[in-house]
């Protein structure tokens, strides 16, 4: 159960209130995605293989409009650029549709991701998967949840029994650092590696014990902000791939069930 309000620090008290708003907002935006799924989409390209759809923008407008209405002094950082500077110390970090390539192809793995910082500290987030009706959420000191059930990471300690997930950046065809070498190295040492196509969902599945570890090299704040706090509140550990402290503004991320973290750092660093 969440810790009592009386014992919460001011940041945690604020986070416990904001996460309730984030949950409802993620569900509302998820309904927009669900209604647009399998329908004719207007697709633009931000890069050679980096699409954005009209549903991305529709979801983002709903989310940012609601935040502006209820919290006009809050800052906003989004994937599609509906950003604003605030004066309250709270910043929302939003991916209105994580898994756009999947969505555009009718592949049913995508989500809404809404995280927030308080005075520069990642403090809470909600991720809604409309296809499975799964709402993952958590806040600082309050635990991590799937819908109404508290979740925790797996207890797997052996790499050869671990199921992992990863992803590949949109510049995979041109960049020298493209994760293919790491994928080959890791795949030989673990039970399996999956590539669902949504970093936020990968991280939530890790928090729920469905996966044992996740890594990716070229991420953005909106990809990880909400899910990072869910993983950590579920008992997991996050860092950069070589083991240094992770910030949502770092490009690479390693997240594990904690028990496998040192082994994964060694493996990704070529020491195992």
C-alpha atoms as a PDB file:
ATOM      1  CA  UNK A   1       0.000   0.000   0.000  1.00  0.00           C
ATOM      2  CA  UNK A   2       1.153   3.606  -0.560  1.00  0.00           C
ATOM      3  CA  UNK A   3       2.790   5.198   2.455  1.00  0.00           C
ATOM      4  CA  UNK A   4       0.557   7.518   4.506  1.00  0.00           C
ATOM      5  CA  UNK A   5       0.243  11.164   3.523  1.00  0.00           C
ATOM      6  CA  UNK A   6       1.451  12.247   6.971  1.00  0.00           C
ATOM      7  CA  UNK A   7       4.821  10.593   6.385  1.00  0.00           C
ATOM      8  CA  UNK A   8       5.363  11.985   2.907  1.00  0.00           C
ATOM      9  CA  UNK A   9       7.852  14.739   2.193  1.00  0.00           C
ATOM     10  CA  UNK A  10       6.490  17.825   0.421  1.00  0.00           C
ATOM     11  CA  UNK A  11       7.740  16.487  -2.920  1.00  0.00           C
ATOM     12  CA  UNK A  12       6.119  13.129  -2.321  1.00  0.00           C
ATOM     13  CA  UNK A  13       2.861  14.714  -1.228  1.00  0.00           C
ATOM     14  CA  UNK A  14       2.814  16.767  -4.411  1.00  0.00           C
ATOM     15  CA  UNK A  15       3.731  13.710  -6.480  1.00  0.00           C
ATOM     16  CA  UNK A  16       0.919  11.633  -4.989  1.00  0.00           C
ATOM     17  CA  UNK A  17      -1.582  14.279  -6.123  1.00  0.00           C
ATOM     18  CA  UNK A  18      -0.116  14.803  -9.574  1.00  0.00           C
ATOM     19  CA  UNK A  19       0.089  11.096 -10.373  1.00  0.00           C
ATOM     20  CA  UNK A  20      -3.677  10.802  -9.927  1.00  0.00           C
ATOM     21  CA  UNK A  21      -4.131  13.529 -12.539  1.00  0.00           C
ATOM     22  CA  UNK A  22      -1.554  11.821 -14.795  1.00  0.00           C
ATOM     23  CA  UNK A  23      -3.389   8.488 -14.585  1.00  0.00           C
ATOM     24  CA  UNK A  24      -6.700   9.970 -15.718  1.00  0.00           C
ATOM     25  CA  UNK A  25      -5.020  11.984 -18.451  1.00  0.00           C
ATOM     26  CA  UNK A  26      -3.114   8.968 -19.794  1.00  0.00           C
ATOM     27  CA  UNK A  27      -6.354   6.998 -20.034  1.00  0.00           C
ATOM     28  CA  UNK A  28      -8.113   9.846 -21.850  1.00  0.00           C
ATOM     29  CA  UNK A  29      -5.245  10.172 -24.331  1.00  0.00           C
ATOM     30  CA  UNK A  30      -5.141   6.400 -24.718  1.00  0.00           C
ATOM     31  CA  UNK A  31      -8.756   6.444 -25.845  1.00  0.00           C
ATOM     32  CA  UNK A  32      -7.750   8.883 -28.591  1.00  0.00           C
ATOM     33  CA  UNK A  33      -5.055   6.439 -29.723  1.00  0.00           C
ATOM     34  CA  UNK A  34      -7.422   3.471 -29.595  1.00  0.00           C
ATOM     35  CA  UNK A  35     -10.015   5.300 -31.692  1.00  0.00           C
ATOM     36  CA  UNK A  36      -7.365   6.125 -34.292  1.00  0.00           C
ATOM     37  CA  UNK A  37      -5.849   2.649 -34.435  1.00  0.00           C
ATOM     38  CA  UNK A  38      -6.451   0.793 -37.732  1.00  0.00           C
ATOM     39  CA  UNK A  39      -7.963   3.920 -39.266  1.00  0.00           C
ATOM     40  CA  UNK A  40      -6.520   5.859 -42.183  1.00  0.00           C
ATOM     41  CA  UNK A  41      -3.687   8.006 -40.838  1.00  0.00           C
ATOM     42  CA  UNK A  42      -1.986  11.134 -42.051  1.00  0.00           C
ATOM     43  CA  UNK A  43       1.725  10.316 -41.738  1.00  0.00           C
ATOM     44  CA  UNK A  44       4.666  12.692 -41.964  1.00  0.00           C
ATOM     45  CA  UNK A  45       8.345  11.823 -41.594  1.00  0.00           C
ATOM     46  CA  UNK A  46      10.773  13.602 -39.269  1.00  0.00           C
ATOM     47  CA  UNK A  47      13.592  11.465 -40.696  1.00  0.00           C
ATOM     48  CA  UNK A  48      14.083   8.636 -43.176  1.00  0.00           C
ATOM     49  CA  UNK A  49      12.196   6.096 -41.032  1.00  0.00           C
ATOM     50  CA  UNK A  50      10.914   8.331 -38.207  1.00  0.00           C
ATOM     51  CA  UNK A  51       7.144   8.845 -38.653  1.00  0.00           C
ATOM     52  CA  UNK A  52       4.641  11.040 -36.846  1.00  0.00           C
ATOM     53  CA  UNK A  53       0.897  10.705 -37.363  1.00  0.00           C
ATOM     54  CA  UNK A  54      -2.077  13.000 -36.957  1.00  0.00           C
ATOM     55  CA  UNK A  55      -3.009  10.893 -33.915  1.00  0.00           C
ATOM     56  CA  UNK A  56       0.315  11.760 -32.236  1.00  0.00           C
ATOM     57  CA  UNK A  57      -0.631  15.425 -32.536  1.00  0.00           C
ATOM     58  CA  UNK A  58      -4.249  14.876 -31.462  1.00  0.00           C
ATOM     59  CA  UNK A  59      -3.111  13.016 -28.333  1.00  0.00           C
ATOM     60  CA  UNK A  60      -0.513  15.679 -27.565  1.00  0.00           C
ATOM     61  CA  UNK A  61      -3.060  18.493 -27.884  1.00  0.00           C
ATOM     62  CA  UNK A  62      -5.393  16.734 -25.463  1.00  0.00           C
ATOM     63  CA  UNK A  63      -2.640  16.193 -22.895  1.00  0.00           C
ATOM     64  CA  UNK A  64      -1.011  19.610 -23.080  1.00  0.00           C
ATOM     65  CA  UNK A  65      -4.351  21.393 -23.202  1.00  0.00           C
ATOM     66  CA  UNK A  66      -5.506  19.665 -20.026  1.00  0.00           C
ATOM     67  CA  UNK A  67      -2.257  20.439 -18.202  1.00  0.00           C
ATOM     68  CA  UNK A  68      -2.401  24.089 -19.280  1.00  0.00           C
ATOM     69  CA  UNK A  69      -6.003  24.345 -18.080  1.00  0.00           C
ATOM     70  CA  UNK A  70      -5.454  22.754 -14.659  1.00  0.00           C
ATOM     71  CA  UNK A  71      -1.834  23.801 -14.033  1.00  0.00           C
ATOM     72  CA  UNK A  72      -1.085  26.944 -16.069  1.00  0.00           C
ATOM     73  CA  UNK A  73       2.210  27.542 -14.239  1.00  0.00           C
ATOM     74  CA  UNK A  74       3.634  24.088 -14.997  1.00  0.00           C
ATOM     75  CA  UNK A  75       6.303  23.553 -17.660  1.00  0.00           C
ATOM     76  CA  UNK A  76       5.804  21.055 -20.481  1.00  0.00           C
ATOM     77  CA  UNK A  77       8.290  19.056 -22.570  1.00  0.00           C
ATOM     78  CA  UNK A  78       6.858  16.862 -25.329  1.00  0.00           C
ATOM     79  CA  UNK A  79       8.095  14.764 -28.221  1.00  0.00           C
ATOM     80  CA  UNK A  80       6.189  16.707 -30.862  1.00  0.00           C
ATOM     81  CA  UNK A  81       7.229  20.132 -29.612  1.00  0.00           C
ATOM     82  CA  UNK A  82       4.262  21.558 -27.705  1.00  0.00           C
ATOM     83  CA  UNK A  83       6.605  22.909 -25.041  1.00  0.00           C
ATOM     84  CA  UNK A  84       6.193  25.673 -22.492  1.00  0.00           C
ATOM     85  CA  UNK A  85       8.251  27.184 -19.710  1.00  0.00           C
ATOM     86  CA  UNK A  86       6.726  27.220 -16.266  1.00  0.00           C
ATOM     87  CA  UNK A  87       7.269  28.990 -12.982  1.00  0.00           C
ATOM     88  CA  UNK A  88       6.025  26.389 -10.493  1.00  0.00           C
ATOM     89  CA  UNK A  89       8.968  23.959 -10.367  1.00  0.00           C
ATOM     90  CA  UNK A  90       6.882  21.192 -11.974  1.00  0.00           C
ATOM     91  CA  UNK A  91       7.652  19.963 -15.479  1.00  0.00           C
ATOM     92  CA  UNK A  92       5.616  17.403 -17.426  1.00  0.00           C
ATOM     93  CA  UNK A  93       7.518  15.138 -19.862  1.00  0.00           C
ATOM     94  CA  UNK A  94       5.215  13.586 -22.418  1.00  0.00           C
ATOM     95  CA  UNK A  95       5.220  11.090 -25.239  1.00  0.00           C
ATOM     96  CA  UNK A  96       1.697  11.230 -26.679  1.00  0.00           C
ATOM     97  CA  UNK A  97       2.263   8.031 -28.668  1.00  0.00           C
ATOM     98  CA  UNK A  98       5.242   5.834 -27.893  1.00  0.00           C
ATOM     99  CA  UNK A  99       5.540   3.205 -30.591  1.00  0.00           C
ATOM    100  CA  UNK A 100       4.485   5.291 -33.588  1.00  0.00           C
ATOM    101  CA  UNK A 101       5.986   2.884 -36.151  1.00  0.00           C
ATOM    102  CA  UNK A 102       3.984   0.042 -34.592  1.00  0.00           C
ATOM    103  CA  UNK A 103       0.864   2.195 -34.546  1.00  0.00           C
ATOM    104  CA  UNK A 104       1.226   3.233 -38.167  1.00  0.00           C
ATOM    105  CA  UNK A 105       1.492  -0.425 -39.221  1.00  0.00           C
ATOM    106  CA  UNK A 106      -1.398  -1.665 -37.097  1.00  0.00           C
ATOM    107  CA  UNK A 107       0.995  -3.538 -34.807  1.00  0.00           C
ATOM    108  CA  UNK A 108      -0.717  -3.430 -31.387  1.00  0.00           C
ATOM    109  CA  UNK A 109       2.121  -2.350 -29.088  1.00  0.00           C
ATOM    110  CA  UNK A 110       1.997   1.360 -28.309  1.00  0.00           C
ATOM    111  CA  UNK A 111       1.165   3.608 -25.359  1.00  0.00           C
ATOM    112  CA  UNK A 112       0.823   7.057 -23.846  1.00  0.00           C
ATOM    113  CA  UNK A 113       3.611   8.109 -21.466  1.00  0.00           C
ATOM    114  CA  UNK A 114       3.235  11.025 -19.033  1.00  0.00           C
ATOM    115  CA  UNK A 115       5.961  11.716 -16.467  1.00  0.00           C
ATOM    116  CA  UNK A 116       6.689  14.697 -14.275  1.00  0.00           C
ATOM    117  CA  UNK A 117       9.521  16.290 -12.337  1.00  0.00           C
ATOM    118  CA  UNK A 118       9.236  18.406  -9.205  1.00  0.00           C
ATOM    119  CA  UNK A 119      12.099  20.858  -8.661  1.00  0.00           C
ATOM    120  CA  UNK A 120      14.225  18.877 -11.101  1.00  0.00           C
ATOM    121  CA  UNK A 121      13.575  15.514  -9.433  1.00  0.00           C
ATOM    122  CA  UNK A 122      11.763  12.793 -11.347  1.00  0.00           C
ATOM    123  CA  UNK A 123       8.733  12.235  -9.151  1.00  0.00           C
ATOM    124  CA  UNK A 124       6.024  10.260 -10.906  1.00  0.00           C
ATOM    125  CA  UNK A 125       4.457   8.986 -14.066  1.00  0.00           C
ATOM    126  CA  UNK A 126       1.695   7.059 -15.767  1.00  0.00           C
ATOM    127  CA  UNK A 127       1.840   4.902 -18.889  1.00  0.00           C
ATOM    128  CA  UNK A 128      -1.347   3.602 -20.485  1.00  0.00           C
ATOM    129  CA  UNK A 129      -1.440   0.696 -22.944  1.00  0.00           C
ATOM    130  CA  UNK A 130      -4.855   0.918 -24.644  1.00  0.00           C
ATOM    131  CA  UNK A 131      -4.656  -2.459 -26.384  1.00  0.00           C
ATOM    132  CA  UNK A 132      -4.319  -4.388 -23.123  1.00  0.00           C
ATOM    133  CA  UNK A 133      -6.138  -1.839 -20.950  1.00  0.00           C
ATOM    134  CA  UNK A 134      -3.064  -1.688 -18.699  1.00  0.00           C
ATOM    135  CA  UNK A 135      -2.257   1.430 -16.709  1.00  0.00           C
ATOM    136  CA  UNK A 136       1.218   1.424 -15.176  1.00  0.00           C
ATOM    137  CA  UNK A 137       1.932   4.172 -12.687  1.00  0.00           C
ATOM    138  CA  UNK A 138       4.087   5.103  -9.746  1.00  0.00           C
ATOM    139  CA  UNK A 139       5.406   8.004  -7.743  1.00  0.00           C
ATOM    140  CA  UNK A 140       8.345   8.764  -5.515  1.00  0.00           C
ATOM    141  CA  UNK A 141       8.093   6.704  -2.337  1.00  0.00           C
ATOM    142  CA  UNK A 142       4.638   5.417  -3.253  1.00  0.00           C
ATOM    143  CA  UNK A 143       5.391   2.208  -5.117  1.00  0.00           C
ATOM    144  CA  UNK A 144       4.588   1.039  -8.637  1.00  0.00           C
ATOM    145  CA  UNK A 145       1.266  -0.298  -9.861  1.00  0.00           C
ATOM    146  CA  UNK A 146      -0.451  -2.023 -12.749  1.00  0.00           C
ATOM    147  CA  UNK A 147      -4.006  -0.747 -12.624  1.00  0.00           C
ATOM    148  CA  UNK A 148      -4.796  -1.252  -8.914  1.00  0.00           C
ATOM    149  CA  UNK A 149      -2.248  -3.981  -8.163  1.00  0.00           C
ATOM    150  CA  UNK A 150       1.210  -3.248  -6.783  1.00  0.00           C
ATOM    151  CA  UNK A 151       3.987  -4.674  -8.942  1.00  0.00           C
ATOM    152  CA  UNK A 152       7.623  -5.604  -8.461  1.00  0.00           C
ATOM    153  CA  UNK A 153      10.523  -6.701 -10.610  1.00  0.00           C
ATOM    154  CA  UNK A 154      11.545 -10.322 -11.103  1.00  0.00           C
ATOM    155  CA  UNK A 155      13.932 -12.248  -8.873  1.00  0.00           C
ATOM    156  CA  UNK A 156      15.954 -13.795 -11.692  1.00  0.00           C
ATOM    157  CA  UNK A 157      19.694 -13.940 -10.964  1.00  0.00           C
ATOM    158  CA  UNK A 158      21.015 -15.924 -13.938  1.00  0.00           C
ATOM    159  CA  UNK A 159      21.657 -14.273 -17.286  1.00  0.00           C
ATOM    160  CA  UNK A 160      21.079 -17.551 -19.106  1.00  0.00           C
ATOM    161  CA  UNK A 161      17.508 -17.591 -17.734  1.00  0.00           C
ATOM    162  CA  UNK A 162      16.827 -13.897 -18.302  1.00  0.00           C
ATOM    163  CA  UNK A 163      14.418 -12.436 -20.854  1.00  0.00           C
ATOM    164  CA  UNK A 164      15.482  -8.994 -22.086  1.00  0.00           C
ATOM    165  CA  UNK A 165      14.201  -6.252 -24.355  1.00  0.00           C
ATOM    166  CA  UNK A 166      15.991  -3.637 -26.406  1.00  0.00           C
ATOM    167  CA  UNK A 167      15.391  -1.211 -29.253  1.00  0.00           C
ATOM    168  CA  UNK A 168      17.110   0.389 -32.196  1.00  0.00           C
ATOM    169  CA  UNK A 169      17.322   4.071 -33.074  1.00  0.00           C
ATOM    170  CA  UNK A 170      15.938   5.555 -36.279  1.00  0.00           C
ATOM    171  CA  UNK A 171      19.479   6.141 -37.563  1.00  0.00           C
ATOM    172  CA  UNK A 172      20.283   2.415 -37.466  1.00  0.00           C
ATOM    173  CA  UNK A 173      21.028   2.419 -41.186  1.00  0.00           C
ATOM    174  CA  UNK A 174      23.641   5.168 -41.062  1.00  0.00           C
ATOM    175  CA  UNK A 175      25.117   5.416 -37.547  1.00  0.00           C
ATOM    176  CA  UNK A 176      28.226   3.505 -36.492  1.00  0.00           C
ATOM    177  CA  UNK A 177      26.861   3.148 -32.926  1.00  0.00           C
ATOM    178  CA  UNK A 178      23.665   1.310 -33.760  1.00  0.00           C
ATOM    179  CA  UNK A 179      23.191  -1.349 -31.028  1.00  0.00           C
ATOM    180  CA  UNK A 180      23.526  -4.267 -33.442  1.00  0.00           C
ATOM    181  CA  UNK A 181      26.843  -5.369 -31.969  1.00  0.00           C
ATOM    182  CA  UNK A 182      25.497  -5.257 -28.422  1.00  0.00           C
ATOM    183  CA  UNK A 183      22.374  -7.129 -29.502  1.00  0.00           C
ATOM    184  CA  UNK A 184      24.482  -9.954 -30.941  1.00  0.00           C
ATOM    185  CA  UNK A 185      26.677 -10.087 -27.830  1.00  0.00           C
ATOM    186  CA  UNK A 186      23.771 -10.135 -25.383  1.00  0.00           C
ATOM    187  CA  UNK A 187      21.643 -12.588 -27.366  1.00  0.00           C
ATOM    188  CA  UNK A 188      24.355 -15.234 -27.014  1.00  0.00           C
ATOM    189  CA  UNK A 189      24.360 -14.994 -23.218  1.00  0.00           C
ATOM    190  CA  UNK A 190      20.683 -14.754 -22.227  1.00  0.00           C
ATOM    191  CA  UNK A 191      17.545 -16.806 -22.680  1.00  0.00           C
ATOM    192  CA  UNK A 192      16.018 -14.360 -25.133  1.00  0.00           C
ATOM    193  CA  UNK A 193      15.915 -10.773 -26.370  1.00  0.00           C
ATOM    194  CA  UNK A 194      12.691  -9.130 -27.526  1.00  0.00           C
ATOM    195  CA  UNK A 195      12.178  -5.924 -29.515  1.00  0.00           C
ATOM    196  CA  UNK A 196       8.555  -4.790 -28.926  1.00  0.00           C
ATOM    197  CA  UNK A 197       9.084  -1.267 -30.309  1.00  0.00           C
ATOM    198  CA  UNK A 198       8.094   0.895 -27.341  1.00  0.00           C
ATOM    199  CA  UNK A 199      10.701   1.728 -24.703  1.00  0.00           C
ATOM    200  CA  UNK A 200       8.015   2.832 -22.238  1.00  0.00           C
ATOM    201  CA  UNK A 201       6.197  -0.504 -22.503  1.00  0.00           C
ATOM    202  CA  UNK A 202       9.478  -2.423 -22.289  1.00  0.00           C
ATOM    203  CA  UNK A 203      10.303  -0.654 -19.032  1.00  0.00           C
ATOM    204  CA  UNK A 204       6.834  -1.203 -17.591  1.00  0.00           C
ATOM    205  CA  UNK A 205       6.987  -4.885 -18.436  1.00  0.00           C
ATOM    206  CA  UNK A 206      10.322  -4.993 -16.637  1.00  0.00           C
ATOM    207  CA  UNK A 207       8.705  -3.340 -13.608  1.00  0.00           C
ATOM    208  CA  UNK A 208       5.955  -5.967 -13.675  1.00  0.00           C
ATOM    209  CA  UNK A 209       8.432  -8.879 -13.814  1.00  0.00           C
ATOM    210  CA  UNK A 210       7.651  -9.869 -17.396  1.00  0.00           C
ATOM    211  CA  UNK A 211      11.180  -8.924 -18.461  1.00  0.00           C
ATOM    212  CA  UNK A 212      14.390  -9.081 -16.440  1.00  0.00           C
ATOM    213  CA  UNK A 213      16.408  -6.292 -18.097  1.00  0.00           C
ATOM    214  CA  UNK A 214      16.266  -3.657 -20.823  1.00  0.00           C
ATOM    215  CA  UNK A 215      18.864  -1.539 -22.582  1.00  0.00           C
ATOM    216  CA  UNK A 216      18.843   0.963 -25.417  1.00  0.00           C
ATOM    217  CA  UNK A 217      21.363   3.467 -26.734  1.00  0.00           C
ATOM    218  CA  UNK A 218      19.585   6.488 -28.223  1.00  0.00           C
ATOM    219  CA  UNK A 219      16.602   7.571 -26.197  1.00  0.00           C
ATOM    220  CA  UNK A 220      14.917  10.872 -25.364  1.00  0.00           C
ATOM    221  CA  UNK A 221      13.480  12.176 -22.067  1.00  0.00           C
ATOM    222  CA  UNK A 222       9.893  11.478 -23.137  1.00  0.00           C
ATOM    223  CA  UNK A 223      10.788   7.848 -23.914  1.00  0.00           C
ATOM    224  CA  UNK A 224      11.863   7.076 -20.353  1.00  0.00           C
ATOM    225  CA  UNK A 225      10.673   9.682 -17.835  1.00  0.00           C
ATOM    226  CA  UNK A 226       7.410   8.076 -16.723  1.00  0.00           C
ATOM    227  CA  UNK A 227       8.574   4.465 -16.950  1.00  0.00           C
ATOM    228  CA  UNK A 228      11.900   5.066 -15.192  1.00  0.00           C
ATOM    229  CA  UNK A 229      10.158   6.004 -11.938  1.00  0.00           C
ATOM    230  CA  UNK A 230       7.845   2.986 -12.299  1.00  0.00           C
ATOM    231  CA  UNK A 231      10.850   0.660 -12.638  1.00  0.00           C
ATOM    232  CA  UNK A 232      12.631   2.161  -9.652  1.00  0.00           C
ATOM    233  CA  UNK A 233       9.525   2.103  -7.465  1.00  0.00           C
ATOM    234  CA  UNK A 234       9.039  -1.559  -8.445  1.00  0.00           C
ATOM    235  CA  UNK A 235      12.480  -2.341  -7.015  1.00  0.00           C
ATOM    236  CA  UNK A 236      14.457  -2.159 -10.231  1.00  0.00           C
ATOM    237  CA  UNK A 237      17.675  -0.312 -10.923  1.00  0.00           C
ATOM    238  CA  UNK A 238      18.592   2.088 -13.702  1.00  0.00           C
ATOM    239  CA  UNK A 239      21.921   3.411 -14.953  1.00  0.00           C
ATOM    240  CA  UNK A 240      23.684   4.207 -18.161  1.00  0.00           C
ATOM    241  CA  UNK A 241      24.840   1.125 -20.038  1.00  0.00           C
ATOM    242  CA  UNK A 242      28.377   1.341 -18.633  1.00  0.00           C
ATOM    243  CA  UNK A 243      27.017   1.696 -15.084  1.00  0.00           C
ATOM    244  CA  UNK A 244      27.192   5.465 -14.503  1.00  0.00           C
ATOM    245  CA  UNK A 245      24.268   7.344 -12.967  1.00  0.00           C
ATOM    246  CA  UNK A 246      21.378   7.838 -15.364  1.00  0.00           C
ATOM    247  CA  UNK A 247      19.447  10.995 -16.157  1.00  0.00           C
ATOM    248  CA  UNK A 248      16.435  11.076 -18.463  1.00  0.00           C
ATOM    249  CA  UNK A 249      18.534  13.414 -20.630  1.00  0.00           C
ATOM    250  CA  UNK A 250      21.195  10.722 -21.110  1.00  0.00           C
ATOM    251  CA  UNK A 251      20.966   9.005 -24.471  1.00  0.00           C
ATOM    252  CA  UNK A 252      21.460   5.442 -23.233  1.00  0.00           C
ATOM    253  CA  UNK A 253      19.745   3.447 -20.502  1.00  0.00           C
ATOM    254  CA  UNK A 254      20.175   0.116 -18.763  1.00  0.00           C
ATOM    255  CA  UNK A 255      17.342  -1.009 -16.499  1.00  0.00           C
ATOM    256  CA  UNK A 256      17.257  -4.309 -14.639  1.00  0.00           C
ATOM    257  CA  UNK A 257      15.618  -6.192 -11.799  1.00  0.00           C
ATOM    258  CA  UNK A 258      18.626  -5.015  -9.735  1.00  0.00           C
ATOM    259  CA  UNK A 259      19.895  -8.569  -9.222  1.00  0.00           C
ATOM    260  CA  UNK A 260      21.253  -8.713 -12.777  1.00  0.00           C
ATOM    261  CA  UNK A 261      22.583  -5.176 -12.951  1.00  0.00           C
ATOM    262  CA  UNK A 262      26.294  -5.794 -12.440  1.00  0.00           C
ATOM    263  CA  UNK A 263      26.231  -8.732 -14.823  1.00  0.00           C
ATOM    264  CA  UNK A 264      24.484  -6.645 -17.459  1.00  0.00           C
ATOM    265  CA  UNK A 265      26.953  -3.773 -17.090  1.00  0.00           C
ATOM    266  CA  UNK A 266      29.819  -6.242 -17.524  1.00  0.00           C
ATOM    267  CA  UNK A 267      28.158  -7.846 -20.530  1.00  0.00           C
ATOM    268  CA  UNK A 268      27.383  -4.562 -22.275  1.00  0.00           C
ATOM    269  CA  UNK A 269      30.877  -3.316 -21.519  1.00  0.00           C
ATOM    270  CA  UNK A 270      32.471  -6.401 -23.079  1.00  0.00           C
ATOM    271  CA  UNK A 271      33.868  -7.690 -19.780  1.00  0.00           C
ATOM    272  CA  UNK A 272      31.757 -10.851 -19.686  1.00  0.00           C
END
